[in-house]
Amino acid sequence: MAKTQQPRKLGRPREWTPTPLGARIEAVAAKRGMSIAELSTAAGIDKVSLYRVLSGKTPDPRLSTMLAIAPALRTPISSLVD
């Protein structure tokens, strides 16, 4: 019988650590019960682009990106950025 794996809560790659910005976005998404896929859909942002923001591959995301993410999380942008 095959071992059943527990689904990853946020659906991110296993070997990946979010940046401080990414961690704040993930924390708010988790508090809202949203997966990263759900957040990308709600924000109208491609999943790959969102992962780039969360992982720091896009170290300074555009204001338009953050203005899409914040309302999708129902949170002020100031709570996500330094």
PDB file of N, CA and C in Angstrom:
ATOM      1  N   MET A   1       0.840  -1.175   0.000  1.00  0.00           N
ATOM      2  CA  MET A   1       0.000   0.000   0.000  1.00  0.00           C
ATOM      3  C   MET A   1       0.888   1.241   0.000  1.00  0.00           C
ATOM      4  N   ALA A   2       0.603   2.200  -0.858  1.00  0.00           N
ATOM      5  CA  ALA A   2       1.415   3.410  -0.989  1.00  0.00           C
ATOM      6  C   ALA A   2       1.157   4.340   0.190  1.00  0.00           C
ATOM      7  N   LYS A   3       2.213   4.995   0.606  1.00  0.00           N
ATOM      8  CA  LYS A   3       2.106   5.952   1.697  1.00  0.00           C
ATOM      9  C   LYS A   3       1.424   7.223   1.179  1.00  0.00           C
ATOM     10  N   THR A   4       0.437   7.689   1.898  1.00  0.00           N
ATOM     11  CA  THR A   4      -0.282   8.890   1.503  1.00  0.00           C
ATOM     12  C   THR A   4       0.450  10.110   2.039  1.00  0.00           C
ATOM     13  N   GLN A   5       0.739  11.050   1.136  1.00  0.00           N
ATOM     14  CA  GLN A   5       1.412  12.272   1.554  1.00  0.00           C
ATOM     15  C   GLN A   5       0.376  13.322   1.923  1.00  0.00           C
ATOM     16  N   GLN A   6       0.707  14.102   2.928  1.00  0.00           N
ATOM     17  CA  GLN A   6      -0.141  15.219   3.305  1.00  0.00           C
ATOM     18  C   GLN A   6       0.058  16.338   2.287  1.00  0.00           C
ATOM     19  N   PRO A   7      -1.002  16.988   1.850  1.00  0.00           N
ATOM     20  CA  PRO A   7      -0.827  18.087   0.904  1.00  0.00           C
ATOM     21  C   PRO A   7      -0.110  19.258   1.581  1.00  0.00           C
ATOM     22  N   ARG A   8       0.745  19.920   0.815  1.00  0.00           N
ATOM     23  CA  ARG A   8       1.412  21.114   1.344  1.00  0.00           C
ATOM     24  C   ARG A   8       0.389  22.236   1.401  1.00  0.00           C
ATOM     25  N   LYS A   9       0.377  22.938   2.502  1.00  0.00           N
ATOM     26  CA  LYS A   9      -0.645  23.938   2.731  1.00  0.00           C
ATOM     27  C   LYS A   9      -0.637  25.049   1.681  1.00  0.00           C
ATOM     28  N   LEU A  10       0.551  25.589   1.358  1.00  0.00           N
ATOM     29  CA  LEU A  10       0.596  26.703   0.433  1.00  0.00           C
ATOM     30  C   LEU A  10       1.030  26.304  -0.961  1.00  0.00           C
ATOM     31  N   GLY A  11       1.355  25.045  -1.183  1.00  0.00           N
ATOM     32  CA  GLY A  11       1.666  24.575  -2.508  1.00  0.00           C
ATOM     33  C   GLY A  11       2.967  25.081  -3.089  1.00  0.00           C
ATOM     34  N   ARG A  12       3.932  25.447  -2.259  1.00  0.00           N
ATOM     35  CA  ARG A  12       5.207  25.933  -2.775  1.00  0.00           C
ATOM     36  C   ARG A  12       6.214  24.794  -2.863  1.00  0.00           C
ATOM     37  N   PRO A  13       7.269  25.002  -3.649  1.00  0.00           N
ATOM     38  CA  PRO A  13       8.307  23.967  -3.735  1.00  0.00           C
ATOM     39  C   PRO A  13       8.907  23.662  -2.373  1.00  0.00           C
ATOM     40  N   ARG A  14       9.304  22.421  -2.154  1.00  0.00           N
ATOM     41  CA  ARG A  14       9.821  21.990  -0.859  1.00  0.00           C
ATOM     42  C   ARG A  14      11.121  22.690  -0.466  1.00  0.00           C
ATOM     43  N   GLU A  15      12.013  22.921  -1.387  1.00  0.00           N
ATOM     44  CA  GLU A  15      13.337  23.469  -1.095  1.00  0.00           C
ATOM     45  C   GLU A  15      13.342  24.980  -1.252  1.00  0.00           C
ATOM     46  N   TRP A  16      12.378  25.664  -0.716  1.00  0.00           N
ATOM     47  CA  TRP A  16      12.223  27.082  -0.975  1.00  0.00           C
ATOM     48  C   TRP A  16      11.893  27.806   0.318  1.00  0.00           C
ATOM     49  N   THR A  17      12.579  28.908   0.555  1.00  0.00           N
ATOM     50  CA  THR A  17      12.335  29.713   1.744  1.00  0.00           C
ATOM     51  C   THR A  17      11.907  31.106   1.297  1.00  0.00           C
ATOM     52  N   PRO A  18      10.780  31.583   1.784  1.00  0.00           N
ATOM     53  CA  PRO A  18      10.328  32.896   1.343  1.00  0.00           C
ATOM     54  C   PRO A  18      11.195  34.017   1.912  1.00  0.00           C
ATOM     55  N   THR A  19      11.210  35.142   1.217  1.00  0.00           N
ATOM     56  CA  THR A  19      11.867  36.350   1.698  1.00  0.00           C
ATOM     57  C   THR A  19      11.004  36.945   2.809  1.00  0.00           C
ATOM     58  N   PRO A  20      11.489  37.980   3.505  1.00  0.00           N
ATOM     59  CA  PRO A  20      10.619  38.613   4.517  1.00  0.00           C
ATOM     60  C   PRO A  20       9.285  39.093   3.917  1.00  0.00           C
ATOM     61  N   LEU A  21       9.341  39.681   2.726  1.00  0.00           N
ATOM     62  CA  LEU A  21       8.097  40.088   2.065  1.00  0.00           C
ATOM     63  C   LEU A  21       7.255  38.860   1.755  1.00  0.00           C
ATOM     64  N   GLY A  22       7.887  37.842   1.212  1.00  0.00           N
ATOM     65  CA  GLY A  22       7.175  36.606   0.899  1.00  0.00           C
ATOM     66  C   GLY A  22       6.557  35.977   2.131  1.00  0.00           C
ATOM     67  N   ALA A  23       7.290  36.003   3.232  1.00  0.00           N
ATOM     68  CA  ALA A  23       6.772  35.432   4.479  1.00  0.00           C
ATOM     69  C   ALA A  23       5.548  36.199   4.966  1.00  0.00           C
ATOM     70  N   ARG A  24       5.580  37.531   4.832  1.00  0.00           N
ATOM     71  CA  ARG A  24       4.419  38.326   5.256  1.00  0.00           C
ATOM     72  C   ARG A  24       3.206  38.012   4.367  1.00  0.00           C
ATOM     73  N   ILE A  25       3.442  37.920   3.057  1.00  0.00           N
ATOM     74  CA  ILE A  25       2.341  37.604   2.146  1.00  0.00           C
ATOM     75  C   ILE A  25       1.789  36.214   2.458  1.00  0.00           C
ATOM     76  N   GLU A  26       2.673  35.242   2.651  1.00  0.00           N
ATOM     77  CA  GLU A  26       2.225  33.882   2.976  1.00  0.00           C
ATOM     78  C   GLU A  26       1.453  33.837   4.290  1.00  0.00           C
ATOM     79  N   ALA A  27       1.920  34.580   5.283  1.00  0.00           N
ATOM     80  CA  ALA A  27       1.250  34.581   6.589  1.00  0.00           C
ATOM     81  C   ALA A  27      -0.170  35.126   6.477  1.00  0.00           C
ATOM     82  N   VAL A  28      -0.325  36.216   5.738  1.00  0.00           N
ATOM     83  CA  VAL A  28      -1.661  36.789   5.576  1.00  0.00           C
ATOM     84  C   VAL A  28      -2.537  35.841   4.755  1.00  0.00           C
ATOM     85  N   ALA A  29      -1.970  35.243   3.707  1.00  0.00           N
ATOM     86  CA  ALA A  29      -2.736  34.296   2.893  1.00  0.00           C
ATOM     87  C   ALA A  29      -3.197  33.117   3.752  1.00  0.00           C
ATOM     88  N   ALA A  30      -2.310  32.593   4.577  1.00  0.00           N
ATOM     89  CA  ALA A  30      -2.670  31.473   5.451  1.00  0.00           C
ATOM     90  C   ALA A  30      -3.760  31.883   6.438  1.00  0.00           C
ATOM     91  N   LYS A  31      -3.645  33.088   6.973  1.00  0.00           N
ATOM     92  CA  LYS A  31      -4.655  33.590   7.913  1.00  0.00           C
ATOM     93  C   LYS A  31      -6.023  33.688   7.240  1.00  0.00           C
ATOM     94  N   ARG A  32      -6.001  34.016   5.950  1.00  0.00           N
ATOM     95  CA  ARG A  32      -7.245  34.131   5.182  1.00  0.00           C
ATOM     96  C   ARG A  32      -7.711  32.783   4.620  1.00  0.00           C
ATOM     97  N   GLY A  33      -6.887  31.743   4.835  1.00  0.00           N
ATOM     98  CA  GLY A  33      -7.236  30.420   4.332  1.00  0.00           C
ATOM     99  C   GLY A  33      -7.032  30.279   2.832  1.00  0.00           C
ATOM    100  N   MET A  34      -6.133  31.093   2.278  1.00  0.00           N
ATOM    101  CA  MET A  34      -5.890  31.089   0.836  1.00  0.00           C
ATOM    102  C   MET A  34      -4.599  30.356   0.510  1.00  0.00           C
ATOM    103  N   SER A  35      -4.630  29.579  -0.547  1.00  0.00           N
ATOM    104  CA  SER A  35      -3.397  28.985  -1.069  1.00  0.00           C
ATOM    105  C   SER A  35      -2.733  30.018  -1.979  1.00  0.00           C
ATOM    106  N   ILE A  36      -1.494  29.758  -2.353  1.00  0.00           N
ATOM    107  CA  ILE A  36      -0.804  30.646  -3.265  1.00  0.00           C
ATOM    108  C   ILE A  36      -1.505  30.661  -4.624  1.00  0.00           C
ATOM    109  N   ALA A  37      -1.998  29.513  -5.052  1.00  0.00           N
ATOM    110  CA  ALA A  37      -2.744  29.449  -6.317  1.00  0.00           C
ATOM    111  C   ALA A  37      -4.011  30.309  -6.250  1.00  0.00           C
ATOM    112  N   GLU A  38      -4.713  30.241  -5.133  1.00  0.00           N
ATOM    113  CA  GLU A  38      -5.920  31.057  -4.960  1.00  0.00           C
ATOM    114  C   GLU A  38      -5.574  32.538  -4.922  1.00  0.00           C
ATOM    115  N   LEU A  39      -4.464  32.863  -4.269  1.00  0.00           N
ATOM    116  CA  LEU A  39      -4.028  34.259  -4.216  1.00  0.00           C
ATOM    117  C   LEU A  39      -3.684  34.761  -5.609  1.00  0.00           C
ATOM    118  N   SER A  40      -2.976  33.967  -6.379  1.00  0.00           N
ATOM    119  CA  SER A  40      -2.598  34.416  -7.722  1.00  0.00           C
ATOM    120  C   SER A  40      -3.847  34.662  -8.575  1.00  0.00           C
ATOM    121  N   THR A  41      -4.839  33.807  -8.439  1.00  0.00           N
ATOM    122  CA  THR A  41      -6.091  33.991  -9.181  1.00  0.00           C
ATOM    123  C   THR A  41      -6.819  35.244  -8.714  1.00  0.00           C
ATOM    124  N   ALA A  42      -6.935  35.414  -7.400  1.00  0.00           N
ATOM    125  CA  ALA A  42      -7.645  36.573  -6.847  1.00  0.00           C
ATOM    126  C   ALA A  42      -6.952  37.883  -7.204  1.00  0.00           C
ATOM    127  N   ALA A  43      -5.626  37.860  -7.263  1.00  0.00           N
ATOM    128  CA  ALA A  43      -4.864  39.072  -7.571  1.00  0.00           C
ATOM    129  C   ALA A  43      -4.720  39.295  -9.069  1.00  0.00           C
ATOM    130  N   GLY A  44      -5.036  38.273  -9.870  1.00  0.00           N
ATOM    131  CA  GLY A  44      -4.876  38.399 -11.306  1.00  0.00           C
ATOM    132  C   GLY A  44      -3.416  38.375 -11.734  1.00  0.00           C
ATOM    133  N   ILE A  45      -2.603  37.645 -10.956  1.00  0.00           N
ATOM    134  CA  ILE A  45      -1.169  37.541 -11.215  1.00  0.00           C
ATOM    135  C   ILE A  45      -0.842  36.086 -11.533  1.00  0.00           C
ATOM    136  N   ASP A  46      -0.011  35.890 -12.538  1.00  0.00           N
ATOM    137  CA  ASP A  46       0.445  34.549 -12.894  1.00  0.00           C
ATOM    138  C   ASP A  46       1.133  33.909 -11.687  1.00  0.00           C
ATOM    139  N   LYS A  47       0.898  32.601 -11.473  1.00  0.00           N
ATOM    140  CA  LYS A  47       1.494  31.901 -10.328  1.00  0.00           C
ATOM    141  C   LYS A  47       3.012  32.001 -10.316  1.00  0.00           C
ATOM    142  N   VAL A  48       3.630  31.880 -11.463  1.00  0.00           N
ATOM    143  CA  VAL A  48       5.084  31.957 -11.543  1.00  0.00           C
ATOM    144  C   VAL A  48       5.568  33.334 -11.087  1.00  0.00           C
ATOM    145  N   SER A  49       4.880  34.369 -11.511  1.00  0.00           N
ATOM    146  CA  SER A  49       5.256  35.730 -11.102  1.00  0.00           C
ATOM    147  C   SER A  49       5.110  35.908  -9.596  1.00  0.00           C
ATOM    148  N   LEU A  50       4.041  35.351  -9.043  1.00  0.00           N
ATOM    149  CA  LEU A  50       3.832  35.450  -7.601  1.00  0.00           C
ATOM    150  C   LEU A  50       4.924  34.697  -6.844  1.00  0.00           C
ATOM    151  N   TYR A  51       5.276  33.502  -7.317  1.00  0.00           N
ATOM    152  CA  TYR A  51       6.365  32.749  -6.680  1.00  0.00           C
ATOM    153  C   TYR A  51       7.680  33.527  -6.743  1.00  0.00           C
ATOM    154  N   ARG A  52       7.908  34.237  -7.840  1.00  0.00           N
ATOM    155  CA  ARG A  52       9.132  35.038  -7.958  1.00  0.00           C
ATOM    156  C   ARG A  52       9.162  36.145  -6.897  1.00  0.00           C
ATOM    157  N   VAL A  53       8.027  36.756  -6.634  1.00  0.00           N
ATOM    158  CA  VAL A  53       7.953  37.777  -5.586  1.00  0.00           C
ATOM    159  C   VAL A  53       8.198  37.127  -4.229  1.00  0.00           C
ATOM    160  N   LEU A  54       7.540  36.008  -3.968  1.00  0.00           N
ATOM    161  CA  LEU A  54       7.653  35.355  -2.668  1.00  0.00           C
ATOM    162  C   LEU A  54       9.065  34.848  -2.391  1.00  0.00           C
ATOM    163  N   SER A  55       9.735  34.365  -3.431  1.00  0.00           N
ATOM    164  CA  SER A  55      11.065  33.777  -3.241  1.00  0.00           C
ATOM    165  C   SER A  55      12.193  34.782  -3.302  1.00  0.00           C
ATOM    166  N   GLY A  56      11.905  35.998  -3.755  1.00  0.00           N
ATOM    167  CA  GLY A  56      12.955  37.007  -3.861  1.00  0.00           C
ATOM    168  C   GLY A  56      13.617  37.053  -5.224  1.00  0.00           C
ATOM    169  N   LYS A  57      13.183  36.221  -6.160  1.00  0.00           N
ATOM    170  CA  LYS A  57      13.736  36.284  -7.516  1.00  0.00           C
ATOM    171  C   LYS A  57      13.327  37.582  -8.189  1.00  0.00           C
ATOM    172  N   THR A  58      12.241  38.171  -7.718  1.00  0.00           N
ATOM    173  CA  THR A  58      11.871  39.536  -8.072  1.00  0.00           C
ATOM    174  C   THR A  58      12.026  40.325  -6.781  1.00  0.00           C
ATOM    175  N   PRO A  59      13.244  40.854  -6.526  1.00  0.00           N
ATOM    176  CA  PRO A  59      13.528  41.452  -5.228  1.00  0.00           C
ATOM    177  C   PRO A  59      12.782  42.755  -4.953  1.00  0.00           C
ATOM    178  N   ASP A  60      12.404  43.465  -5.993  1.00  0.00           N
ATOM    179  CA  ASP A  60      11.712  44.739  -5.823  1.00  0.00           C
ATOM    180  C   ASP A  60      10.485  44.738  -6.728  1.00  0.00           C
ATOM    181  N   PRO A  61       9.403  44.082  -6.276  1.00  0.00           N
ATOM    182  CA  PRO A  61       8.233  43.957  -7.139  1.00  0.00           C
ATOM    183  C   PRO A  61       7.632  45.320  -7.483  1.00  0.00           C
ATOM    184  N   ARG A  62       7.022  45.386  -8.630  1.00  0.00           N
ATOM    185  CA  ARG A  62       6.386  46.622  -9.068  1.00  0.00           C
ATOM    186  C   ARG A  62       5.240  46.995  -8.138  1.00  0.00           C
ATOM    187  N   LEU A  63       5.000  48.284  -8.075  1.00  0.00           N
ATOM    188  CA  LEU A  63       3.893  48.774  -7.264  1.00  0.00           C
ATOM    189  C   LEU A  63       2.580  48.161  -7.748  1.00  0.00           C
ATOM    190  N   SER A  64       2.419  48.028  -9.052  1.00  0.00           N
ATOM    191  CA  SER A  64       1.176  47.457  -9.589  1.00  0.00           C
ATOM    192  C   SER A  64       0.963  46.024  -9.098  1.00  0.00           C
ATOM    193  N   THR A  65       2.058  45.284  -8.944  1.00  0.00           N
ATOM    194  CA  THR A  65       1.959  43.915  -8.433  1.00  0.00           C
ATOM    195  C   THR A  65       1.494  43.928  -6.980  1.00  0.00           C
ATOM    196  N   MET A  66       2.114  44.785  -6.178  1.00  0.00           N
ATOM    197  CA  MET A  66       1.732  44.863  -4.764  1.00  0.00           C
ATOM    198  C   MET A  66       0.308  45.402  -4.600  1.00  0.00           C
ATOM    199  N   LEU A  67      -0.088  46.320  -5.499  1.00  0.00           N
ATOM    200  CA  LEU A  67      -1.452  46.853  -5.438  1.00  0.00           C
ATOM    201  C   LEU A  67      -2.485  45.811  -5.859  1.00  0.00           C
ATOM    202  N   ALA A  68      -2.072  44.765  -6.526  1.00  0.00           N
ATOM    203  CA  ALA A  68      -2.971  43.659  -6.854  1.00  0.00           C
ATOM    204  C   ALA A  68      -3.022  42.640  -5.708  1.00  0.00           C
ATOM    205  N   ILE A  69      -1.865  42.407  -5.088  1.00  0.00           N
ATOM    206  CA  ILE A  69      -1.791  41.401  -4.017  1.00  0.00           C
ATOM    207  C   ILE A  69      -2.530  41.858  -2.764  1.00  0.00           C
ATOM    208  N   ALA A  70      -2.303  43.096  -2.336  1.00  0.00           N
ATOM    209  CA  ALA A  70      -2.880  43.577  -1.073  1.00  0.00           C
ATOM    210  C   ALA A  70      -4.405  43.470  -1.029  1.00  0.00           C
ATOM    211  N   PRO A  71      -5.128  43.978  -2.023  1.00  0.00           N
ATOM    212  CA  PRO A  71      -6.594  43.844  -1.950  1.00  0.00           C
ATOM    213  C   PRO A  71      -7.070  42.391  -2.036  1.00  0.00           C
ATOM    214  N   ALA A  72      -6.326  41.563  -2.782  1.00  0.00           N
ATOM    215  CA  ALA A  72      -6.703  40.150  -2.867  1.00  0.00           C
ATOM    216  C   ALA A  72      -6.612  39.491  -1.489  1.00  0.00           C
ATOM    217  N   LEU A  73      -5.685  40.002  -0.659  1.00  0.00           N
ATOM    218  CA  LEU A  73      -5.537  39.492   0.711  1.00  0.00           C
ATOM    219  C   LEU A  73      -6.403  40.250   1.712  1.00  0.00           C
ATOM    220  N   ARG A  74      -7.110  41.259   1.219  1.00  0.00           N
ATOM    221  CA  ARG A  74      -7.925  42.129   2.084  1.00  0.00           C
ATOM    222  C   ARG A  74      -7.077  42.721   3.216  1.00  0.00           C
ATOM    223  N   THR A  75      -5.940  43.281   2.834  1.00  0.00           N
ATOM    224  CA  THR A  75      -5.013  43.863   3.793  1.00  0.00           C
ATOM    225  C   THR A  75      -4.400  45.107   3.189  1.00  0.00           C
ATOM    226  N   PRO A  76      -4.039  46.094   4.002  1.00  0.00           N
ATOM    227  CA  PRO A  76      -3.386  47.275   3.449  1.00  0.00           C
ATOM    228  C   PRO A  76      -1.990  46.934   2.939  1.00  0.00           C
ATOM    229  N   ILE A  77      -1.580  47.581   1.869  1.00  0.00           N
ATOM    230  CA  ILE A  77      -0.254  47.328   1.311  1.00  0.00           C
ATOM    231  C   ILE A  77       0.829  47.627   2.343  1.00  0.00           C
ATOM    232  N   SER A  78       0.574  48.593   3.217  1.00  0.00           N
ATOM    233  CA  SER A  78       1.581  48.965   4.234  1.00  0.00           C
ATOM    234  C   SER A  78       1.882  47.819   5.197  1.00  0.00           C
ATOM    235  N   SER A  79       0.946  46.885   5.347  1.00  0.00           N
ATOM    236  CA  SER A  79       1.217  45.742   6.245  1.00  0.00           C
ATOM    237  C   SER A  79       2.090  44.684   5.584  1.00  0.00           C
ATOM    238  N   LEU A  80       2.277  44.795   4.265  1.00  0.00           N
ATOM    239  CA  LEU A  80       3.080  43.813   3.552  1.00  0.00           C
ATOM    240  C   LEU A  80       4.515  44.277   3.305  1.00  0.00           C
ATOM    241  N   VAL A  81       4.704  45.575   3.155  1.00  0.00           N
ATOM    242  CA  VAL A  81       6.022  46.105   2.821  1.00  0.00           C
ATOM    243  C   VAL A  81       6.666  46.749   4.041  1.00  0.00           C
ATOM    244  N   ASP A  82       7.986  46.872   3.984  1.00  0.00           N
ATOM    245  CA  ASP A  82       8.725  47.516   5.093  1.00  0.00           C
ATOM    246  C   ASP A  82       8.407  48.978   5.191  1.00  0.00           C
TER     247      ASP A  82
END
